[in-house]
PDB file of N, CA and C in Angstrom:
ATOM      1  N   MET A   1     -49.499  53.367  22.442  1.00  0.00           N
ATOM      2  CA  MET A   1     -49.577  52.628  23.678  1.00  0.00           C
ATOM      3  C   MET A   1     -50.073  51.224  23.369  1.00  0.00           C
ATOM      4  N   ALA A   2     -49.516  50.235  24.061  1.00  0.00           N
ATOM      5  CA  ALA A   2     -49.901  48.855  23.838  1.00  0.00           C
ATOM      6  C   ALA A   2     -50.346  48.231  25.147  1.00  0.00           C
ATOM      7  N   ASN A   3     -51.380  47.419  25.100  1.00  0.00           N
ATOM      8  CA  ASN A   3     -51.841  46.677  26.267  1.00  0.00           C
ATOM      9  C   ASN A   3     -51.760  45.198  25.964  1.00  0.00           C
ATOM     10  N   PHE A   4     -51.233  44.447  26.931  1.00  0.00           N
ATOM     11  CA  PHE A   4     -51.094  43.012  26.779  1.00  0.00           C
ATOM     12  C   PHE A   4     -51.605  42.334  28.036  1.00  0.00           C
ATOM     13  N   VAL A   5     -52.197  41.179  27.895  1.00  0.00           N
ATOM     14  CA  VAL A   5     -52.575  40.379  29.054  1.00  0.00           C
ATOM     15  C   VAL A   5     -51.623  39.208  29.113  1.00  0.00           C
ATOM     16  N   LEU A   6     -50.915  39.094  30.221  1.00  0.00           N
ATOM     17  CA  LEU A   6     -49.958  38.014  30.399  1.00  0.00           C
ATOM     18  C   LEU A   6     -50.541  36.966  31.317  1.00  0.00           C
ATOM     19  N   GLN A   7     -50.466  35.741  30.932  1.00  0.00           N
ATOM     20  CA  GLN A   7     -50.893  34.638  31.776  1.00  0.00           C
ATOM     21  C   GLN A   7     -49.670  34.050  32.444  1.00  0.00           C
ATOM     22  N   LEU A   8     -49.663  34.025  33.764  1.00  0.00           N
ATOM     23  CA  LEU A   8     -48.549  33.449  34.496  1.00  0.00           C
ATOM     24  C   LEU A   8     -48.836  31.981  34.752  1.00  0.00           C
ATOM     25  N   PRO A   9     -47.945  31.081  34.344  1.00  0.00           N
ATOM     26  CA  PRO A   9     -48.222  29.657  34.474  1.00  0.00           C
ATOM     27  C   PRO A   9     -48.297  29.176  35.914  1.00  0.00           C
ATOM     28  N   CYS A  10     -47.554  29.794  36.832  1.00  0.00           N
ATOM     29  CA  CYS A  10     -47.529  29.296  38.197  1.00  0.00           C
ATOM     30  C   CYS A  10     -48.569  29.973  39.081  1.00  0.00           C
ATOM     31  N   ARG A  11     -49.301  30.924  38.552  1.00  0.00           N
ATOM     32  CA  ARG A  11     -50.328  31.612  39.334  1.00  0.00           C
ATOM     33  C   ARG A  11     -51.639  31.590  38.568  1.00  0.00           C
ATOM     34  N   SER A  12     -52.709  31.743  39.295  1.00  0.00           N
ATOM     35  CA  SER A  12     -54.016  31.763  38.646  1.00  0.00           C
ATOM     36  C   SER A  12     -54.436  33.186  38.308  1.00  0.00           C
ATOM     37  N   ARG A  13     -53.508  34.103  38.305  1.00  0.00           N
ATOM     38  CA  ARG A  13     -53.793  35.499  38.107  1.00  0.00           C
ATOM     39  C   ARG A  13     -53.124  36.014  36.833  1.00  0.00           C
ATOM     40  N   SER A  14     -53.745  36.965  36.185  1.00  0.00           N
ATOM     41  CA  SER A  14     -53.130  37.613  35.040  1.00  0.00           C
ATOM     42  C   SER A  14     -53.018  39.099  35.340  1.00  0.00           C
ATOM     43  N   PHE A  15     -52.181  39.791  34.610  1.00  0.00           N
ATOM     44  CA  PHE A  15     -52.064  41.225  34.787  1.00  0.00           C
ATOM     45  C   PHE A  15     -51.825  41.868  33.446  1.00  0.00           C
ATOM     46  N   THR A  16     -52.081  43.164  33.387  1.00  0.00           N
ATOM     47  CA  THR A  16     -51.937  43.922  32.149  1.00  0.00           C
ATOM     48  C   THR A  16     -50.608  44.629  32.134  1.00  0.00           C
ATOM     49  N   VAL A  17     -49.939  44.585  30.994  1.00  0.00           N
ATOM     50  CA  VAL A  17     -48.709  45.337  30.788  1.00  0.00           C
ATOM     51  C   VAL A  17     -49.054  46.476  29.849  1.00  0.00           C
ATOM     52  N   SER A  18     -48.852  47.697  30.321  1.00  0.00           N
ATOM     53  CA  SER A  18     -49.110  48.870  29.495  1.00  0.00           C
ATOM     54  C   SER A  18     -47.798  49.569  29.244  1.00  0.00           C
ATOM     55  N   ALA A  19     -47.614  50.031  28.030  1.00  0.00           N
ATOM     56  CA  ALA A  19     -46.363  50.693  27.684  1.00  0.00           C
ATOM     57  C   ALA A  19     -46.644  52.045  27.072  1.00  0.00           C
ATOM     58  N   SER A  20     -45.844  53.017  27.455  1.00  0.00           N
ATOM     59  CA  SER A  20     -45.926  54.349  26.889  1.00  0.00           C
ATOM     60  C   SER A  20     -44.505  54.867  26.748  1.00  0.00           C
ATOM     61  N   SER A  21     -44.153  55.372  25.605  1.00  0.00           N
ATOM     62  CA  SER A  21     -42.776  55.792  25.370  1.00  0.00           C
ATOM     63  C   SER A  21     -42.378  57.008  26.183  1.00  0.00           C
ATOM     64  N   ASN A  22     -43.325  57.788  26.680  1.00  0.00           N
ATOM     65  CA  ASN A  22     -42.953  58.983  27.431  1.00  0.00           C
ATOM     66  C   ASN A  22     -43.009  58.771  28.935  1.00  0.00           C
ATOM     67  N   GLY A  23     -43.241  57.555  29.391  1.00  0.00           N
ATOM     68  CA  GLY A  23     -43.262  57.260  30.808  1.00  0.00           C
ATOM     69  C   GLY A  23     -44.558  57.651  31.488  1.00  0.00           C
ATOM     70  N   ALA A  24     -45.536  58.087  30.708  1.00  0.00           N
ATOM     71  CA  ALA A  24     -46.811  58.473  31.292  1.00  0.00           C
ATOM     72  C   ALA A  24     -47.577  57.239  31.735  1.00  0.00           C
ATOM     73  N   ALA A  25     -48.492  57.449  32.636  1.00  0.00           N
ATOM     74  CA  ALA A  25     -49.334  56.352  33.081  1.00  0.00           C
ATOM     75  C   ALA A  25     -50.187  55.875  31.915  1.00  0.00           C
ATOM     76  N   PRO A  26     -50.673  54.627  31.957  1.00  0.00           N
ATOM     77  CA  PRO A  26     -51.511  54.128  30.884  1.00  0.00           C
ATOM     78  C   PRO A  26     -52.664  55.080  30.605  1.00  0.00           C
ATOM     79  N   GLY A  27     -52.934  55.261  29.337  1.00  0.00           N
ATOM     80  CA  GLY A  27     -53.995  56.166  28.933  1.00  0.00           C
ATOM     81  C   GLY A  27     -53.472  57.539  28.544  1.00  0.00           C
ATOM     82  N   GLY A  28     -52.181  57.796  28.829  1.00  0.00           N
ATOM     83  CA  GLY A  28     -51.581  59.086  28.463  1.00  0.00           C
ATOM     84  C   GLY A  28     -51.263  59.117  26.991  1.00  0.00           C
ATOM     85  N   SER A  29     -50.884  60.288  26.505  1.00  0.00           N
ATOM     86  CA  SER A  29     -50.539  60.389  25.089  1.00  0.00           C
ATOM     87  C   SER A  29     -49.035  60.398  24.922  1.00  0.00           C
ATOM     88  N   GLY A  30     -48.580  60.149  23.726  1.00  0.00           N
ATOM     89  CA  GLY A  30     -47.149  60.147  23.433  1.00  0.00           C
ATOM     90  C   GLY A  30     -46.856  59.170  22.328  1.00  0.00           C
ATOM     91  N   SER A  31     -45.822  59.438  21.576  1.00  0.00           N
ATOM     92  CA  SER A  31     -45.466  58.531  20.493  1.00  0.00           C
ATOM     93  C   SER A  31     -44.664  57.374  21.051  1.00  0.00           C
ATOM     94  N   ASN A  32     -44.735  56.239  20.411  1.00  0.00           N
ATOM     95  CA  ASN A  32     -44.003  55.066  20.846  1.00  0.00           C
ATOM     96  C   ASN A  32     -42.747  54.939  19.999  1.00  0.00           C
ATOM     97  N   ASP A  33     -41.787  55.862  20.222  1.00  0.00           N
ATOM     98  CA  ASP A  33     -40.574  55.882  19.419  1.00  0.00           C
ATOM     99  C   ASP A  33     -39.443  55.064  20.027  1.00  0.00           C
ATOM    100  N   GLY A  34     -39.649  54.501  21.232  1.00  0.00           N
ATOM    101  CA  GLY A  34     -38.649  53.646  21.853  1.00  0.00           C
ATOM    102  C   GLY A  34     -37.482  54.396  22.477  1.00  0.00           C
ATOM    103  N   LYS A  35     -37.510  55.730  22.498  1.00  0.00           N
ATOM    104  CA  LYS A  35     -36.390  56.497  23.026  1.00  0.00           C
ATOM    105  C   LYS A  35     -36.567  56.866  24.493  1.00  0.00           C
ATOM    106  N   GLY A  36     -37.772  56.983  24.959  1.00  0.00           N
ATOM    107  CA  GLY A  36     -38.021  57.413  26.334  1.00  0.00           C
ATOM    108  C   GLY A  36     -38.336  56.235  27.237  1.00  0.00           C
ATOM    109  N   PRO A  37     -38.661  56.539  28.495  1.00  0.00           N
ATOM    110  CA  PRO A  37     -39.020  55.473  29.433  1.00  0.00           C
ATOM    111  C   PRO A  37     -40.347  54.829  29.039  1.00  0.00           C
ATOM    112  N   VAL A  38     -40.549  53.624  29.520  1.00  0.00           N
ATOM    113  CA  VAL A  38     -41.757  52.853  29.251  1.00  0.00           C
ATOM    114  C   VAL A  38     -42.362  52.470  30.589  1.00  0.00           C
ATOM    115  N   VAL A  39     -43.666  52.556  30.730  1.00  0.00           N
ATOM    116  CA  VAL A  39     -44.335  52.140  31.961  1.00  0.00           C
ATOM    117  C   VAL A  39     -44.779  50.693  31.795  1.00  0.00           C
ATOM    118  N   LEU A  40     -44.276  49.836  32.699  1.00  0.00           N
ATOM    119  CA  LEU A  40     -44.587  48.402  32.669  1.00  0.00           C
ATOM    120  C   LEU A  40     -45.002  47.927  34.044  1.00  0.00           C
ATOM    121  N   GLU A  41     -45.804  46.913  34.090  1.00  0.00           N
ATOM    122  CA  GLU A  41     -46.148  46.220  35.329  1.00  0.00           C
ATOM    123  C   GLU A  41     -45.182  45.046  35.427  1.00  0.00           C
ATOM    124  N   LEU A  42     -44.267  45.093  36.412  1.00  0.00           N
ATOM    125  CA  LEU A  42     -43.233  44.063  36.539  1.00  0.00           C
ATOM    126  C   LEU A  42     -43.427  43.251  37.812  1.00  0.00           C
ATOM    127  N   PRO A  43     -43.092  41.960  37.770  1.00  0.00           N
ATOM    128  CA  PRO A  43     -43.113  41.158  39.001  1.00  0.00           C
ATOM    129  C   PRO A  43     -42.079  41.699  39.986  1.00  0.00           C
ATOM    130  N   LEU A  44     -42.455  41.784  41.253  1.00  0.00           N
ATOM    131  CA  LEU A  44     -41.534  42.290  42.275  1.00  0.00           C
ATOM    132  C   LEU A  44     -40.247  41.487  42.322  1.00  0.00           C
ATOM    133  N   ASP A  45     -40.360  40.185  42.131  1.00  0.00           N
ATOM    134  CA  ASP A  45     -39.164  39.339  42.247  1.00  0.00           C
ATOM    135  C   ASP A  45     -38.216  39.462  41.059  1.00  0.00           C
ATOM    136  N   LYS A  46     -38.573  40.246  40.057  1.00  0.00           N
ATOM    137  CA  LYS A  46     -37.684  40.484  38.906  1.00  0.00           C
ATOM    138  C   LYS A  46     -36.918  41.799  39.039  1.00  0.00           C
ATOM    139  N   ILE A  47     -37.158  42.533  40.127  1.00  0.00           N
ATOM    140  CA  ILE A  47     -36.508  43.829  40.327  1.00  0.00           C
ATOM    141  C   ILE A  47     -35.438  43.678  41.399  1.00  0.00           C
ATOM    142  N   ARG A  48     -34.203  43.940  41.023  1.00  0.00           N
ATOM    143  CA  ARG A  48     -33.101  43.893  41.989  1.00  0.00           C
ATOM    144  C   ARG A  48     -33.020  45.230  42.718  1.00  0.00           C
ATOM    145  N   ARG A  49     -32.768  45.162  44.001  1.00  0.00           N
ATOM    146  CA  ARG A  49     -32.680  46.365  44.838  1.00  0.00           C
ATOM    147  C   ARG A  49     -31.270  46.459  45.425  1.00  0.00           C
ATOM    148  N   PRO A  50     -30.269  46.909  44.646  1.00  0.00           N
ATOM    149  CA  PRO A  50     -28.875  46.871  45.096  1.00  0.00           C
ATOM    150  C   PRO A  50     -28.558  47.758  46.297  1.00  0.00           C
ATOM    151  N   LEU A  51     -29.351  48.776  46.572  1.00  0.00           N
ATOM    152  CA  LEU A  51     -29.074  49.674  47.686  1.00  0.00           C
ATOM    153  C   LEU A  51     -29.932  49.364  48.912  1.00  0.00           C
ATOM    154  N   MET A  52     -30.676  48.275  48.875  1.00  0.00           N
ATOM    155  CA  MET A  52     -31.623  47.953  49.940  1.00  0.00           C
ATOM    156  C   MET A  52     -30.930  47.834  51.298  1.00  0.00           C
ATOM    157  N   ARG A  53     -29.730  47.300  51.334  1.00  0.00           N
ATOM    158  CA  ARG A  53     -29.044  47.089  52.614  1.00  0.00           C
ATOM    159  C   ARG A  53     -28.470  48.375  53.202  1.00  0.00           C
ATOM    160  N   THR A  54     -28.342  49.411  52.395  1.00  0.00           N
ATOM    161  CA  THR A  54     -27.723  50.646  52.877  1.00  0.00           C
ATOM    162  C   THR A  54     -28.740  51.703  53.273  1.00  0.00           C
ATOM    163  N   ARG A  55     -29.999  51.466  53.004  1.00  0.00           N
ATOM    164  CA  ARG A  55     -31.033  52.465  53.296  1.00  0.00           C
ATOM    165  C   ARG A  55     -32.173  51.819  54.063  1.00  0.00           C
ATOM    166  N   ALA A  56     -32.669  52.531  55.067  1.00  0.00           N
ATOM    167  CA  ALA A  56     -33.807  52.037  55.847  1.00  0.00           C
ATOM    168  C   ALA A  56     -35.053  52.835  55.467  1.00  0.00           C
ATOM    169  N   ASN A  57     -36.163  52.136  55.342  1.00  0.00           N
ATOM    170  CA  ASN A  57     -37.427  52.790  55.045  1.00  0.00           C
ATOM    171  C   ASN A  57     -38.093  53.255  56.338  1.00  0.00           C
ATOM    172  N   ASP A  58     -38.876  54.317  56.222  1.00  0.00           N
ATOM    173  CA  ASP A  58     -39.665  54.826  57.338  1.00  0.00           C
ATOM    174  C   ASP A  58     -40.914  53.947  57.470  1.00  0.00           C
ATOM    175  N   PRO A  59     -41.031  53.179  58.580  1.00  0.00           N
ATOM    176  CA  PRO A  59     -42.170  52.260  58.729  1.00  0.00           C
ATOM    177  C   PRO A  59     -43.528  52.954  58.658  1.00  0.00           C
ATOM    178  N   LYS A  60     -43.619  54.180  59.185  1.00  0.00           N
ATOM    179  CA  LYS A  60     -44.887  54.913  59.149  1.00  0.00           C
ATOM    180  C   LYS A  60     -45.277  55.238  57.704  1.00  0.00           C
ATOM    181  N   LYS A  61     -44.294  55.664  56.923  1.00  0.00           N
ATOM    182  CA  LYS A  61     -44.554  55.987  55.513  1.00  0.00           C
ATOM    183  C   LYS A  61     -44.992  54.737  54.741  1.00  0.00           C
ATOM    184  N   VAL A  62     -44.360  53.595  55.028  1.00  0.00           N
ATOM    185  CA  VAL A  62     -44.742  52.334  54.366  1.00  0.00           C
ATOM    186  C   VAL A  62     -46.182  51.981  54.715  1.00  0.00           C
ATOM    187  N   GLU A  63     -46.558  52.119  56.005  1.00  0.00           N
ATOM    188  CA  GLU A  63     -47.941  51.833  56.430  1.00  0.00           C
ATOM    189  C   GLU A  63     -48.936  52.738  55.719  1.00  0.00           C
ATOM    190  N   GLU A  64     -48.614  54.040  55.629  1.00  0.00           N
ATOM    191  CA  GLU A  64     -49.501  54.984  54.937  1.00  0.00           C
ATOM    192  C   GLU A  64     -49.660  54.608  53.462  1.00  0.00           C
ATOM    193  N   LEU A  65     -48.558  54.225  52.830  1.00  0.00           N
ATOM    194  CA  LEU A  65     -48.625  53.808  51.425  1.00  0.00           C
ATOM    195  C   LEU A  65     -49.431  52.528  51.266  1.00  0.00           C
ATOM    196  N   MET A  66     -49.286  51.598  52.187  1.00  0.00           N
ATOM    197  CA  MET A  66     -50.065  50.355  52.118  1.00  0.00           C
ATOM    198  C   MET A  66     -51.555  50.674  52.130  1.00  0.00           C
ATOM    199  N   HIS A  67     -51.956  51.574  53.026  1.00  0.00           N
ATOM    200  CA  HIS A  67     -53.371  51.966  53.099  1.00  0.00           C
ATOM    201  C   HIS A  67     -53.814  52.611  51.787  1.00  0.00           C
ATOM    202  N   SER A  68     -52.999  53.537  51.269  1.00  0.00           N
ATOM    203  CA  SER A  68     -53.332  54.231  50.030  1.00  0.00           C
ATOM    204  C   SER A  68     -53.414  53.260  48.844  1.00  0.00           C
ATOM    205  N   ILE A  69     -52.458  52.353  48.757  1.00  0.00           N
ATOM    206  CA  ILE A  69     -52.446  51.394  47.646  1.00  0.00           C
ATOM    207  C   ILE A  69     -53.644  50.458  47.731  1.00  0.00           C
ATOM    208  N   ARG A  70     -54.008  50.051  48.953  1.00  0.00           N
ATOM    209  CA  ARG A  70     -55.203  49.209  49.134  1.00  0.00           C
ATOM    210  C   ARG A  70     -56.451  49.934  48.647  1.00  0.00           C
ATOM    211  N   GLU A  71     -56.547  51.226  48.968  1.00  0.00           N
ATOM    212  CA  GLU A  71     -57.745  52.009  48.648  1.00  0.00           C
ATOM    213  C   GLU A  71     -57.815  52.446  47.188  1.00  0.00           C
ATOM    214  N   THR A  72     -56.703  52.971  46.647  1.00  0.00           N
ATOM    215  CA  THR A  72     -56.767  53.580  45.312  1.00  0.00           C
ATOM    216  C   THR A  72     -55.756  53.024  44.320  1.00  0.00           C
ATOM    217  N   GLY A  73     -54.873  52.145  44.776  1.00  0.00           N
ATOM    218  CA  GLY A  73     -53.844  51.629  43.882  1.00  0.00           C
ATOM    219  C   GLY A  73     -52.625  52.531  43.873  1.00  0.00           C
ATOM    220  N   LEU A  74     -51.597  52.097  43.206  1.00  0.00           N
ATOM    221  CA  LEU A  74     -50.352  52.862  43.123  1.00  0.00           C
ATOM    222  C   LEU A  74     -50.564  54.060  42.206  1.00  0.00           C
ATOM    223  N   GLN A  75     -50.282  55.248  42.703  1.00  0.00           N
ATOM    224  CA  GLN A  75     -50.506  56.466  41.933  1.00  0.00           C
ATOM    225  C   GLN A  75     -49.306  56.860  41.074  1.00  0.00           C
ATOM    226  N   VAL A  76     -48.083  56.582  41.554  1.00  0.00           N
ATOM    227  CA  VAL A  76     -46.866  56.973  40.842  1.00  0.00           C
ATOM    228  C   VAL A  76     -45.982  55.740  40.684  1.00  0.00           C
ATOM    229  N   PRO A  77     -45.644  55.368  39.456  1.00  0.00           N
ATOM    230  CA  PRO A  77     -44.785  54.191  39.260  1.00  0.00           C
ATOM    231  C   PRO A  77     -43.396  54.412  39.849  1.00  0.00           C
ATOM    232  N   ILE A  78     -42.736  53.329  40.235  1.00  0.00           N
ATOM    233  CA  ILE A  78     -41.357  53.434  40.701  1.00  0.00           C
ATOM    234  C   ILE A  78     -40.448  53.529  39.480  1.00  0.00           C
ATOM    235  N   ASP A  79     -39.256  54.066  39.673  1.00  0.00           N
ATOM    236  CA  ASP A  79     -38.277  54.173  38.586  1.00  0.00           C
ATOM    237  C   ASP A  79     -37.372  52.955  38.600  1.00  0.00           C
ATOM    238  N   VAL A  80     -37.199  52.352  37.426  1.00  0.00           N
ATOM    239  CA  VAL A  80     -36.383  51.144  37.287  1.00  0.00           C
ATOM    240  C   VAL A  80     -35.445  51.339  36.104  1.00  0.00           C
ATOM    241  N   LEU A  81     -34.214  50.875  36.271  1.00  0.00           N
ATOM    242  CA  LEU A  81     -33.224  50.902  35.199  1.00  0.00           C
ATOM    243  C   LEU A  81     -33.074  49.485  34.660  1.00  0.00           C
ATOM    244  N   GLU A  82     -33.220  49.313  33.344  1.00  0.00           N
ATOM    245  CA  GLU A  82     -33.016  48.012  32.708  1.00  0.00           C
ATOM    246  C   GLU A  82     -31.644  48.001  32.049  1.00  0.00           C
ATOM    247  N   VAL A  83     -30.808  47.050  32.452  1.00  0.00           N
ATOM    248  CA  VAL A  83     -29.488  46.877  31.853  1.00  0.00           C
ATOM    249  C   VAL A  83     -29.369  45.423  31.436  1.00  0.00           C
ATOM    250  N   ASP A  84     -29.238  45.198  30.142  1.00  0.00           N
ATOM    251  CA  ASP A  84     -29.101  43.840  29.586  1.00  0.00           C
ATOM    252  C   ASP A  84     -30.202  42.900  30.066  1.00  0.00           C
ATOM    253  N   GLY A  85     -31.435  43.389  30.109  1.00  0.00           N
ATOM    254  CA  GLY A  85     -32.582  42.554  30.470  1.00  0.00           C
ATOM    255  C   GLY A  85     -32.780  42.344  31.961  1.00  0.00           C
ATOM    256  N   VAL A  86     -31.960  42.990  32.794  1.00  0.00           N
ATOM    257  CA  VAL A  86     -32.093  42.890  34.247  1.00  0.00           C
ATOM    258  C   VAL A  86     -32.594  44.227  34.764  1.00  0.00           C
ATOM    259  N   TYR A  87     -33.584  44.191  35.670  1.00  0.00           N
ATOM    260  CA  TYR A  87     -34.204  45.405  36.192  1.00  0.00           C
ATOM    261  C   TYR A  87     -33.620  45.755  37.555  1.00  0.00           C
ATOM    262  N   TYR A  88     -33.224  47.035  37.719  1.00  0.00           N
ATOM    263  CA  TYR A  88     -32.643  47.531  38.965  1.00  0.00           C
ATOM    264  C   TYR A  88     -33.487  48.688  39.469  1.00  0.00           C
ATOM    265  N   GLY A  89     -33.935  48.605  40.716  1.00  0.00           N
ATOM    266  CA  GLY A  89     -34.717  49.669  41.324  1.00  0.00           C
ATOM    267  C   GLY A  89     -33.859  50.516  42.235  1.00  0.00           C
ATOM    268  N   PHE A  90     -33.846  51.839  41.999  1.00  0.00           N
ATOM    269  CA  PHE A  90     -33.059  52.747  42.825  1.00  0.00           C
ATOM    270  C   PHE A  90     -33.930  53.781  43.527  1.00  0.00           C
ATOM    271  N   SER A  91     -35.176  53.894  43.150  1.00  0.00           N
ATOM    272  CA  SER A  91     -36.088  54.812  43.831  1.00  0.00           C
ATOM    273  C   SER A  91     -37.416  54.093  44.022  1.00  0.00           C
ATOM    274  N   GLY A  92     -38.271  54.670  44.846  1.00  0.00           N
ATOM    275  CA  GLY A  92     -39.554  54.030  45.113  1.00  0.00           C
ATOM    276  C   GLY A  92     -39.467  52.942  46.168  1.00  0.00           C
ATOM    277  N   CYS A  93     -38.488  53.063  47.060  1.00  0.00           N
ATOM    278  CA  CYS A  93     -38.255  52.024  48.070  1.00  0.00           C
ATOM    279  C   CYS A  93     -39.468  51.795  48.966  1.00  0.00           C
ATOM    280  N   HIS A  94     -40.124  52.878  49.383  1.00  0.00           N
ATOM    281  CA  HIS A  94     -41.288  52.747  50.256  1.00  0.00           C
ATOM    282  C   HIS A  94     -42.460  52.112  49.514  1.00  0.00           C
ATOM    283  N   ARG A  95     -42.662  52.512  48.257  1.00  0.00           N
ATOM    284  CA  ARG A  95     -43.747  51.927  47.454  1.00  0.00           C
ATOM    285  C   ARG A  95     -43.482  50.453  47.195  1.00  0.00           C
ATOM    286  N   TYR A  96     -42.225  50.115  46.913  1.00  0.00           N
ATOM    287  CA  TYR A  96     -41.833  48.716  46.678  1.00  0.00           C
ATOM    288  C   TYR A  96     -42.116  47.876  47.927  1.00  0.00           C
ATOM    289  N   GLU A  97     -41.676  48.360  49.104  1.00  0.00           N
ATOM    290  CA  GLU A  97     -41.910  47.609  50.348  1.00  0.00           C
ATOM    291  C   GLU A  97     -43.402  47.488  50.655  1.00  0.00           C
ATOM    292  N   ALA A  98     -44.164  48.542  50.394  1.00  0.00           N
ATOM    293  CA  ALA A  98     -45.612  48.484  50.620  1.00  0.00           C
ATOM    294  C   ALA A  98     -46.239  47.381  49.766  1.00  0.00           C
ATOM    295  N   HIS A  99     -45.827  47.274  48.513  1.00  0.00           N
ATOM    296  CA  HIS A  99     -46.336  46.215  47.635  1.00  0.00           C
ATOM    297  C   HIS A  99     -45.948  44.836  48.177  1.00  0.00           C
ATOM    298  N   GLN A 100     -44.700  44.703  48.629  1.00  0.00           N
ATOM    299  CA  GLN A 100     -44.253  43.432  49.208  1.00  0.00           C
ATOM    300  C   GLN A 100     -45.107  43.050  50.406  1.00  0.00           C
ATOM    301  N   ARG A 101     -45.289  43.979  51.319  1.00  0.00           N
ATOM    302  CA  ARG A 101     -46.028  43.690  52.547  1.00  0.00           C
ATOM    303  C   ARG A 101     -47.498  43.430  52.290  1.00  0.00           C
ATOM    304  N   LEU A 102     -48.041  43.992  51.217  1.00  0.00           N
ATOM    305  CA  LEU A 102     -49.429  43.714  50.837  1.00  0.00           C
ATOM    306  C   LEU A 102     -49.569  42.383  50.106  1.00  0.00           C
ATOM    307  N   GLY A 103     -48.444  41.775  49.760  1.00  0.00           N
ATOM    308  CA  GLY A 103     -48.486  40.499  49.039  1.00  0.00           C
ATOM    309  C   GLY A 103     -48.828  40.641  47.570  1.00  0.00           C
ATOM    310  N   LEU A 104     -48.614  41.820  47.013  1.00  0.00           N
ATOM    311  CA  LEU A 104     -48.903  42.047  45.590  1.00  0.00           C
ATOM    312  C   LEU A 104     -47.749  41.499  44.758  1.00  0.00           C
ATOM    313  N   PRO A 105     -48.039  40.760  43.701  1.00  0.00           N
ATOM    314  CA  PRO A 105     -46.969  40.136  42.925  1.00  0.00           C
ATOM    315  C   PRO A 105     -46.265  41.079  41.956  1.00  0.00           C
ATOM    316  N   THR A 106     -46.914  42.198  41.592  1.00  0.00           N
ATOM    317  CA  THR A 106     -46.341  43.101  40.586  1.00  0.00           C
ATOM    318  C   THR A 106     -46.407  44.545  41.070  1.00  0.00           C
ATOM    319  N   ILE A 107     -45.639  45.401  40.382  1.00  0.00           N
ATOM    320  CA  ILE A 107     -45.668  46.836  40.664  1.00  0.00           C
ATOM    321  C   ILE A 107     -45.464  47.584  39.348  1.00  0.00           C
ATOM    322  N   ARG A 108     -46.147  48.728  39.225  1.00  0.00           N
ATOM    323  CA  ARG A 108     -46.010  49.540  38.014  1.00  0.00           C
ATOM    324  C   ARG A 108     -44.696  50.305  38.074  1.00  0.00           C
ATOM    325  N   CYS A 109     -43.924  50.239  36.986  1.00  0.00           N
ATOM    326  CA  CYS A 109     -42.578  50.819  36.935  1.00  0.00           C
ATOM    327  C   CYS A 109     -42.406  51.678  35.700  1.00  0.00           C
ATOM    328  N   LYS A 110     -41.680  52.774  35.883  1.00  0.00           N
ATOM    329  CA  LYS A 110     -41.225  53.567  34.746  1.00  0.00           C
ATOM    330  C   LYS A 110     -39.822  53.049  34.444  1.00  0.00           C
ATOM    331  N   VAL A 111     -39.682  52.355  33.315  1.00  0.00           N
ATOM    332  CA  VAL A 111     -38.435  51.662  32.984  1.00  0.00           C
ATOM    333  C   VAL A 111     -37.646  52.474  31.966  1.00  0.00           C
ATOM    334  N   ARG A 112     -36.388  52.722  32.317  1.00  0.00           N
ATOM    335  CA  ARG A 112     -35.449  53.356  31.389  1.00  0.00           C
ATOM    336  C   ARG A 112     -34.358  52.344  31.083  1.00  0.00           C
ATOM    337  N   ARG A 113     -33.936  52.291  29.840  1.00  0.00           N
ATOM    338  CA  ARG A 113     -32.822  51.415  29.466  1.00  0.00           C
ATOM    339  C   ARG A 113     -31.516  52.139  29.739  1.00  0.00           C
ATOM    340  N   GLY A 114     -30.517  51.378  30.157  1.00  0.00           N
ATOM    341  CA  GLY A 114     -29.216  51.963  30.434  1.00  0.00           C
ATOM    342  C   GLY A 114     -28.106  50.986  30.123  1.00  0.00           C
ATOM    343  N   THR A 115     -26.900  51.491  30.212  1.00  0.00           N
ATOM    344  CA  THR A 115     -25.716  50.675  29.972  1.00  0.00           C
ATOM    345  C   THR A 115     -25.132  50.241  31.317  1.00  0.00           C
ATOM    346  N   LYS A 116     -24.124  49.384  31.263  1.00  0.00           N
ATOM    347  CA  LYS A 116     -23.442  48.990  32.496  1.00  0.00           C
ATOM    348  C   LYS A 116     -22.782  50.192  33.155  1.00  0.00           C
ATOM    349  N   GLU A 117     -22.320  51.140  32.353  1.00  0.00           N
ATOM    350  CA  GLU A 117     -21.732  52.360  32.910  1.00  0.00           C
ATOM    351  C   GLU A 117     -22.784  53.161  33.676  1.00  0.00           C
ATOM    352  N   THR A 118     -24.002  53.243  33.146  1.00  0.00           N
ATOM    353  CA  THR A 118     -25.093  53.931  33.843  1.00  0.00           C
ATOM    354  C   THR A 118     -25.358  53.242  35.182  1.00  0.00           C
ATOM    355  N   LEU A 119     -25.366  51.924  35.173  1.00  0.00           N
ATOM    356  CA  LEU A 119     -25.582  51.147  36.401  1.00  0.00           C
ATOM    357  C   LEU A 119     -24.475  51.450  37.415  1.00  0.00           C
ATOM    358  N   ARG A 120     -23.231  51.457  36.977  1.00  0.00           N
ATOM    359  CA  ARG A 120     -22.114  51.762  37.878  1.00  0.00           C
ATOM    360  C   ARG A 120     -22.276  53.161  38.483  1.00  0.00           C
ATOM    361  N   HIS A 121     -22.742  54.111  37.674  1.00  0.00           N
ATOM    362  CA  HIS A 121     -22.973  55.465  38.161  1.00  0.00           C
ATOM    363  C   HIS A 121     -24.005  55.464  39.286  1.00  0.00           C
ATOM    364  N   HIS A 122     -25.085  54.720  39.135  1.00  0.00           N
ATOM    365  CA  HIS A 122     -26.145  54.652  40.158  1.00  0.00           C
ATOM    366  C   HIS A 122     -25.658  53.950  41.427  1.00  0.00           C
ATOM    367  N   LEU A 123     -24.702  53.077  41.299  1.00  0.00           N
ATOM    368  CA  LEU A 123     -24.196  52.332  42.455  1.00  0.00           C
ATOM    369  C   LEU A 123     -23.175  53.118  43.275  1.00  0.00           C
ATOM    370  N   ARG A 124     -22.687  54.235  42.745  1.00  0.00           N
ATOM    371  CA  ARG A 124     -21.692  55.050  43.483  1.00  0.00           C
ATOM    372  C   ARG A 124     -22.296  55.736  44.666  1.00  0.00           C
TER     373      ARG A 124
END
């Protein structure tokens, strides 16, 4: 597992990027063989949401998540597919919106690498 502190030039805030090859939350065990998912803290504006227009979130669920995230933080990372350096979010819509509405700049993601064919499959 690796921890990095990233300094963002346009913000006065820094955040930690934690990586685990098995997709476990930071502090979990697992080898870093590069074959499995990696848990990263990603800026919200770097995650594309291609299905956002076709699905509506439950406002009550978003409010409940906002309260939970304010109190204890995000408990389960959202799933993100990385294709050619671009991040696509297909699950975790309520958690993503809760982070947006709270004004949080980043969200913890379980990132899996995929091909363009994998992306096309998710878009069907």
